[in-house]
């Protein structure tokens, strides 16, 4: 059954994260701007960036290299980590099975590199 007191606590947690996310975005944008302006102009003669350009770079990197899925971390697959069932399978293997898997994986990779 619906309990209003539990629901309001959940809402307070969500409202707490809004300023934290805004502060984190501000800090990340500032960090990217500082690092870009401190390193790249001297190394590759790149132009310095403004705060908004640095924030745009963060968004661009998220689009190109990250995922746009903002769901729960446990549901990650692909570059972010192995699916849960594969992790469980690995954890249930004994040392002999793991070594056999590693050897087979190395053999497959070696075959692809030789082509």
N, C-alpha and C. Protein backbone atom coordinates (compact mmCIF):
# COMPACT_ATOMS: atom_id res chain seq x y z
N UNK A 1 0.83 -1.18 0.00
CA UNK A 1 0.00 0.00 0.00
C UNK A 1 0.88 1.24 0.00
N UNK A 2 0.38 2.33 -0.53
CA UNK A 2 1.13 3.58 -0.64
C UNK A 2 1.31 4.22 0.72
N UNK A 3 2.57 4.54 1.06
CA UNK A 3 2.87 5.19 2.33
C UNK A 3 3.44 6.57 2.02
N UNK A 4 2.70 7.66 2.31
CA UNK A 4 3.16 9.01 1.96
C UNK A 4 4.47 9.39 2.63
N UNK A 5 4.74 8.90 3.84
CA UNK A 5 5.98 9.28 4.52
C UNK A 5 7.19 8.69 3.81
N UNK A 6 7.09 7.47 3.28
CA UNK A 6 8.19 6.87 2.53
C UNK A 6 8.41 7.62 1.22
N UNK A 7 7.34 8.03 0.59
CA UNK A 7 7.43 8.72 -0.69
C UNK A 7 8.11 10.08 -0.54
N UNK A 8 7.82 10.81 0.52
CA UNK A 8 8.44 12.13 0.72
C UNK A 8 9.93 11.99 1.00
N UNK A 9 10.36 10.93 1.66
CA UNK A 9 11.79 10.70 1.90
C UNK A 9 12.52 10.45 0.60
N UNK A 10 11.89 9.73 -0.30
CA UNK A 10 12.48 9.46 -1.61
C UNK A 10 12.62 10.75 -2.41
N UNK A 11 11.62 11.62 -2.31
CA UNK A 11 11.64 12.89 -3.02
C UNK A 11 12.76 13.78 -2.47
N UNK A 12 12.97 13.77 -1.16
CA UNK A 12 14.04 14.56 -0.56
C UNK A 12 15.41 14.10 -1.05
N UNK A 13 15.58 12.79 -1.21
CA UNK A 13 16.85 12.28 -1.73
C UNK A 13 17.09 12.77 -3.15
N UNK A 14 16.05 12.76 -3.97
CA UNK A 14 16.19 13.24 -5.35
C UNK A 14 16.52 14.73 -5.37
N UNK A 15 15.86 15.51 -4.52
CA UNK A 15 16.12 16.94 -4.48
C UNK A 15 17.52 17.25 -3.98
N UNK A 16 18.08 16.39 -3.17
CA UNK A 16 19.45 16.57 -2.70
C UNK A 16 20.44 16.43 -3.85
N UNK A 17 20.16 15.52 -4.78
CA UNK A 17 21.11 15.26 -5.86
C UNK A 17 21.12 16.34 -6.93
N UNK A 18 20.07 17.12 -7.07
CA UNK A 18 20.04 18.17 -8.09
C UNK A 18 21.17 19.18 -7.89
N UNK A 19 21.33 19.77 -6.69
CA UNK A 19 22.45 20.70 -6.52
C UNK A 19 23.81 20.02 -6.60
N UNK A 20 23.87 18.76 -6.18
CA UNK A 20 25.14 18.02 -6.26
C UNK A 20 25.53 17.82 -7.71
N UNK A 21 24.59 17.49 -8.57
CA UNK A 21 24.87 17.29 -9.99
C UNK A 21 25.29 18.61 -10.63
N UNK A 22 24.61 19.69 -10.29
CA UNK A 22 24.97 21.00 -10.84
C UNK A 22 26.37 21.39 -10.41
N UNK A 23 26.69 21.17 -9.13
CA UNK A 23 28.03 21.48 -8.62
C UNK A 23 29.09 20.60 -9.29
N UNK A 24 28.76 19.34 -9.51
CA UNK A 24 29.69 18.43 -10.19
C UNK A 24 29.94 18.86 -11.63
N UNK A 25 28.90 19.26 -12.34
CA UNK A 25 29.07 19.76 -13.71
C UNK A 25 29.94 21.01 -13.74
N UNK A 26 29.72 21.91 -12.80
CA UNK A 26 30.54 23.12 -12.72
C UNK A 26 32.00 22.76 -12.47
N UNK A 27 32.24 21.84 -11.53
CA UNK A 27 33.61 21.44 -11.20
C UNK A 27 34.28 20.73 -12.38
N UNK A 28 33.56 19.85 -13.06
CA UNK A 28 34.14 19.14 -14.20
C UNK A 28 34.45 20.09 -15.35
N UNK A 29 33.54 21.03 -15.62
CA UNK A 29 33.79 22.01 -16.67
C UNK A 29 35.01 22.86 -16.36
N UNK A 30 35.14 23.27 -15.10
CA UNK A 30 36.30 24.06 -14.68
C UNK A 30 37.58 23.25 -14.80
N UNK A 31 37.52 21.97 -14.42
CA UNK A 31 38.71 21.11 -14.51
C UNK A 31 39.14 20.92 -15.96
N UNK A 32 38.17 20.67 -16.86
CA UNK A 32 38.51 20.50 -18.28
C UNK A 32 39.10 21.79 -18.84
N UNK A 33 38.51 22.92 -18.48
CA UNK A 33 39.03 24.21 -18.96
C UNK A 33 40.45 24.43 -18.46
N UNK A 34 40.69 24.18 -17.18
CA UNK A 34 42.02 24.39 -16.62
C UNK A 34 43.05 23.47 -17.28
N UNK A 35 42.72 22.19 -17.38
CA UNK A 35 43.68 21.24 -17.96
C UNK A 35 43.94 21.54 -19.44
N UNK A 36 42.90 21.84 -20.19
CA UNK A 36 43.07 22.17 -21.60
C UNK A 36 43.99 23.39 -21.75
N UNK A 37 43.67 24.46 -21.02
CA UNK A 37 44.43 25.70 -21.15
C UNK A 37 45.83 25.59 -20.58
N UNK A 38 46.06 24.66 -19.65
CA UNK A 38 47.39 24.50 -19.07
C UNK A 38 48.29 23.62 -19.92
N UNK A 39 47.70 22.68 -20.67
CA UNK A 39 48.52 21.69 -21.37
C UNK A 39 48.52 21.88 -22.88
N UNK A 40 47.36 21.90 -23.50
CA UNK A 40 47.30 21.83 -24.96
C UNK A 40 47.85 23.04 -25.71
N UNK A 41 47.69 24.27 -25.26
CA UNK A 41 48.30 25.37 -26.01
C UNK A 41 49.82 25.25 -26.11
N UNK A 42 50.46 24.77 -25.06
CA UNK A 42 51.92 24.63 -25.07
C UNK A 42 52.36 23.41 -25.88
N UNK A 43 51.58 22.35 -25.85
CA UNK A 43 52.00 21.10 -26.49
C UNK A 43 51.68 21.08 -27.98
N UNK A 44 50.42 21.40 -28.34
CA UNK A 44 50.03 21.31 -29.76
C UNK A 44 49.55 22.64 -30.32
N UNK A 45 49.81 23.72 -29.62
CA UNK A 45 49.46 25.07 -30.07
C UNK A 45 47.96 25.21 -30.33
N UNK A 46 47.15 24.58 -29.46
CA UNK A 46 45.70 24.70 -29.55
C UNK A 46 45.27 26.02 -28.89
N UNK A 47 44.16 26.54 -29.32
CA UNK A 47 43.65 27.78 -28.73
C UNK A 47 43.06 27.49 -27.35
N UNK A 48 43.20 28.41 -26.42
CA UNK A 48 42.55 28.23 -25.11
C UNK A 48 41.03 28.19 -25.25
N UNK A 49 40.37 27.51 -24.32
CA UNK A 49 38.91 27.38 -24.38
C UNK A 49 38.28 28.15 -23.23
N UNK A 50 37.03 28.54 -23.44
CA UNK A 50 36.25 29.18 -22.38
C UNK A 50 35.58 28.09 -21.55
N UNK A 51 34.94 28.50 -20.47
CA UNK A 51 34.23 27.54 -19.62
C UNK A 51 33.14 26.81 -20.41
N UNK A 52 32.37 27.54 -21.21
CA UNK A 52 31.27 26.93 -21.95
C UNK A 52 31.77 25.99 -23.03
N UNK A 53 32.91 26.31 -23.63
CA UNK A 53 33.50 25.38 -24.60
C UNK A 53 33.98 24.11 -23.91
N UNK A 54 34.54 24.25 -22.72
CA UNK A 54 34.97 23.07 -21.95
C UNK A 54 33.78 22.19 -21.58
N UNK A 55 32.68 22.82 -21.19
CA UNK A 55 31.48 22.07 -20.88
C UNK A 55 30.95 21.36 -22.13
N UNK A 56 31.03 22.05 -23.28
CA UNK A 56 30.64 21.42 -24.54
C UNK A 56 31.52 20.23 -24.88
N UNK A 57 32.81 20.34 -24.58
CA UNK A 57 33.72 19.20 -24.80
C UNK A 57 33.32 18.01 -23.93
N UNK A 58 32.92 18.27 -22.69
CA UNK A 58 32.46 17.18 -21.82
C UNK A 58 31.25 16.48 -22.42
N UNK A 59 30.30 17.26 -22.91
CA UNK A 59 29.09 16.68 -23.52
C UNK A 59 29.46 15.91 -24.77
N UNK A 60 30.33 16.48 -25.60
CA UNK A 60 30.75 15.80 -26.82
C UNK A 60 31.44 14.48 -26.51
N UNK A 61 32.31 14.47 -25.50
CA UNK A 61 32.99 13.22 -25.13
C UNK A 61 31.99 12.19 -24.61
N UNK A 62 30.98 12.65 -23.89
CA UNK A 62 29.95 11.73 -23.40
C UNK A 62 29.20 11.11 -24.57
N UNK A 63 28.92 11.91 -25.59
CA UNK A 63 28.21 11.39 -26.76
C UNK A 63 29.09 10.42 -27.55
N UNK A 64 30.35 10.80 -27.77
CA UNK A 64 31.22 9.98 -28.61
C UNK A 64 31.76 8.74 -27.92
N UNK A 65 32.17 8.87 -26.67
CA UNK A 65 32.87 7.78 -26.00
C UNK A 65 32.07 7.13 -24.89
N UNK A 66 31.09 7.83 -24.37
CA UNK A 66 30.29 7.28 -23.29
C UNK A 66 28.98 6.78 -23.82
N UNK A 67 28.12 6.48 -22.91
CA UNK A 67 26.79 6.06 -23.30
C UNK A 67 25.82 7.12 -22.85
N UNK A 68 24.74 7.26 -23.54
CA UNK A 68 23.74 8.25 -23.17
C UNK A 68 22.69 7.66 -22.24
N UNK A 69 22.89 6.43 -21.83
CA UNK A 69 21.96 5.77 -20.92
C UNK A 69 22.30 6.17 -19.50
N UNK A 70 21.33 6.71 -18.78
CA UNK A 70 21.56 7.15 -17.42
C UNK A 70 20.85 6.25 -16.42
N UNK A 71 20.65 5.00 -16.77
CA UNK A 71 19.95 4.07 -15.90
C UNK A 71 20.83 3.54 -14.79
N UNK A 72 20.37 2.49 -14.12
CA UNK A 72 21.14 1.93 -13.01
C UNK A 72 22.46 1.33 -13.48
N UNK A 73 23.47 1.44 -12.65
CA UNK A 73 24.81 0.96 -13.00
C UNK A 73 24.85 -0.56 -13.17
N UNK A 74 24.04 -1.29 -12.47
CA UNK A 74 24.06 -2.74 -12.54
C UNK A 74 23.63 -3.27 -13.90
N UNK A 75 22.95 -2.48 -14.70
CA UNK A 75 22.44 -2.92 -15.98
C UNK A 75 23.44 -2.68 -17.10
N UNK A 76 24.66 -2.30 -16.77
CA UNK A 76 25.65 -1.97 -17.78
C UNK A 76 26.09 -3.20 -18.58
N UNK A 77 26.28 -2.97 -19.87
CA UNK A 77 26.87 -3.98 -20.73
C UNK A 77 27.78 -3.25 -21.70
N UNK A 78 28.45 -3.97 -22.56
CA UNK A 78 29.31 -3.33 -23.56
C UNK A 78 30.63 -2.88 -22.96
N UNK A 79 31.08 -1.67 -23.33
CA UNK A 79 32.37 -1.19 -22.87
C UNK A 79 32.41 -0.99 -21.37
N UNK A 80 31.27 -0.71 -20.76
CA UNK A 80 31.23 -0.42 -19.34
C UNK A 80 31.46 -1.63 -18.45
N UNK A 81 31.33 -2.83 -18.97
CA UNK A 81 31.53 -4.03 -18.18
C UNK A 81 30.74 -5.19 -18.75
N UNK A 82 31.06 -6.35 -18.27
CA UNK A 82 30.41 -7.56 -18.75
C UNK A 82 29.00 -7.66 -18.18
N UNK A 83 28.08 -8.28 -18.92
CA UNK A 83 26.75 -8.49 -18.38
C UNK A 83 26.81 -9.34 -17.11
N UNK A 84 25.82 -9.20 -16.28
CA UNK A 84 25.80 -9.86 -14.97
C UNK A 84 25.94 -11.38 -15.09
N UNK A 85 25.28 -12.00 -16.07
CA UNK A 85 25.34 -13.46 -16.16
C UNK A 85 26.76 -13.94 -16.50
N UNK A 86 27.53 -13.14 -17.26
CA UNK A 86 28.90 -13.54 -17.55
C UNK A 86 29.79 -13.36 -16.34
N UNK A 87 29.56 -12.33 -15.54
CA UNK A 87 30.32 -12.15 -14.30
C UNK A 87 30.08 -13.32 -13.36
N UNK A 88 28.81 -13.71 -13.25
CA UNK A 88 28.47 -14.83 -12.37
C UNK A 88 29.11 -16.12 -12.86
N UNK A 89 29.11 -16.32 -14.17
CA UNK A 89 29.72 -17.52 -14.73
C UNK A 89 31.21 -17.55 -14.41
N UNK A 90 31.89 -16.41 -14.56
CA UNK A 90 33.32 -16.31 -14.26
C UNK A 90 33.58 -16.60 -12.78
N UNK A 91 32.74 -16.05 -11.92
CA UNK A 91 32.94 -16.24 -10.48
C UNK A 91 32.70 -17.70 -10.07
N UNK A 92 31.90 -18.42 -10.83
CA UNK A 92 31.62 -19.82 -10.50
C UNK A 92 32.64 -20.78 -11.11
N UNK A 93 33.56 -20.30 -11.92
CA UNK A 93 34.59 -21.17 -12.52
C UNK A 93 35.67 -21.45 -11.48
N UNK A 94 36.23 -22.66 -11.56
CA UNK A 94 37.39 -22.94 -10.73
C UNK A 94 38.65 -22.49 -11.48
N UNK A 95 39.80 -22.58 -10.84
CA UNK A 95 41.04 -22.08 -11.43
C UNK A 95 41.39 -22.77 -12.74
N UNK A 96 41.13 -24.06 -12.81
CA UNK A 96 41.44 -24.82 -14.03
C UNK A 96 40.58 -24.35 -15.20
N UNK A 97 39.29 -24.13 -14.96
CA UNK A 97 38.39 -23.64 -16.01
C UNK A 97 38.77 -22.23 -16.46
N UNK A 98 39.16 -21.38 -15.51
CA UNK A 98 39.58 -20.03 -15.86
C UNK A 98 40.83 -20.04 -16.73
N UNK A 99 41.79 -20.89 -16.39
CA UNK A 99 43.02 -20.97 -17.18
C UNK A 99 42.73 -21.49 -18.59
N UNK A 100 41.83 -22.45 -18.70
CA UNK A 100 41.44 -22.97 -20.00
C UNK A 100 40.78 -21.86 -20.83
N UNK A 101 39.91 -21.07 -20.20
CA UNK A 101 39.25 -19.97 -20.88
C UNK A 101 40.27 -18.94 -21.36
N UNK A 102 41.23 -18.57 -20.50
CA UNK A 102 42.26 -17.60 -20.88
C UNK A 102 43.08 -18.09 -22.08
N UNK A 103 43.47 -19.37 -22.05
CA UNK A 103 44.26 -19.93 -23.14
C UNK A 103 43.47 -19.91 -24.45
N UNK A 104 42.21 -20.27 -24.38
CA UNK A 104 41.36 -20.27 -25.58
C UNK A 104 41.17 -18.85 -26.10
N UNK A 105 41.00 -17.89 -25.20
CA UNK A 105 40.83 -16.50 -25.59
C UNK A 105 42.10 -15.96 -26.26
N UNK A 106 43.27 -16.28 -25.69
CA UNK A 106 44.53 -15.85 -26.30
C UNK A 106 44.71 -16.46 -27.69
N UNK A 107 44.33 -17.70 -27.84
CA UNK A 107 44.45 -18.36 -29.15
C UNK A 107 43.54 -17.68 -30.17
N UNK A 108 42.34 -17.33 -29.80
CA UNK A 108 41.43 -16.65 -30.72
C UNK A 108 41.97 -15.28 -31.11
N UNK A 109 42.53 -14.56 -30.15
CA UNK A 109 43.08 -13.23 -30.46
C UNK A 109 44.31 -13.34 -31.34
N UNK A 110 45.13 -14.34 -31.11
CA UNK A 110 46.32 -14.54 -31.91
C UNK A 110 45.95 -14.84 -33.36
N UNK A 111 44.88 -15.62 -33.57
CA UNK A 111 44.44 -15.97 -34.90
C UNK A 111 43.98 -14.73 -35.66
N UNK A 112 43.26 -13.83 -35.01
CA UNK A 112 42.77 -12.63 -35.66
C UNK A 112 43.90 -11.68 -36.02
N UNK A 113 44.94 -11.61 -35.18
CA UNK A 113 46.06 -10.72 -35.46
C UNK A 113 46.90 -11.20 -36.63
N UNK A 114 46.96 -12.51 -36.88
CA UNK A 114 47.79 -13.06 -37.94
C UNK A 114 47.17 -12.87 -39.32
N UNK A 115 45.87 -12.67 -39.42
CA UNK A 115 45.22 -12.52 -40.73
C UNK A 115 45.67 -11.31 -41.47
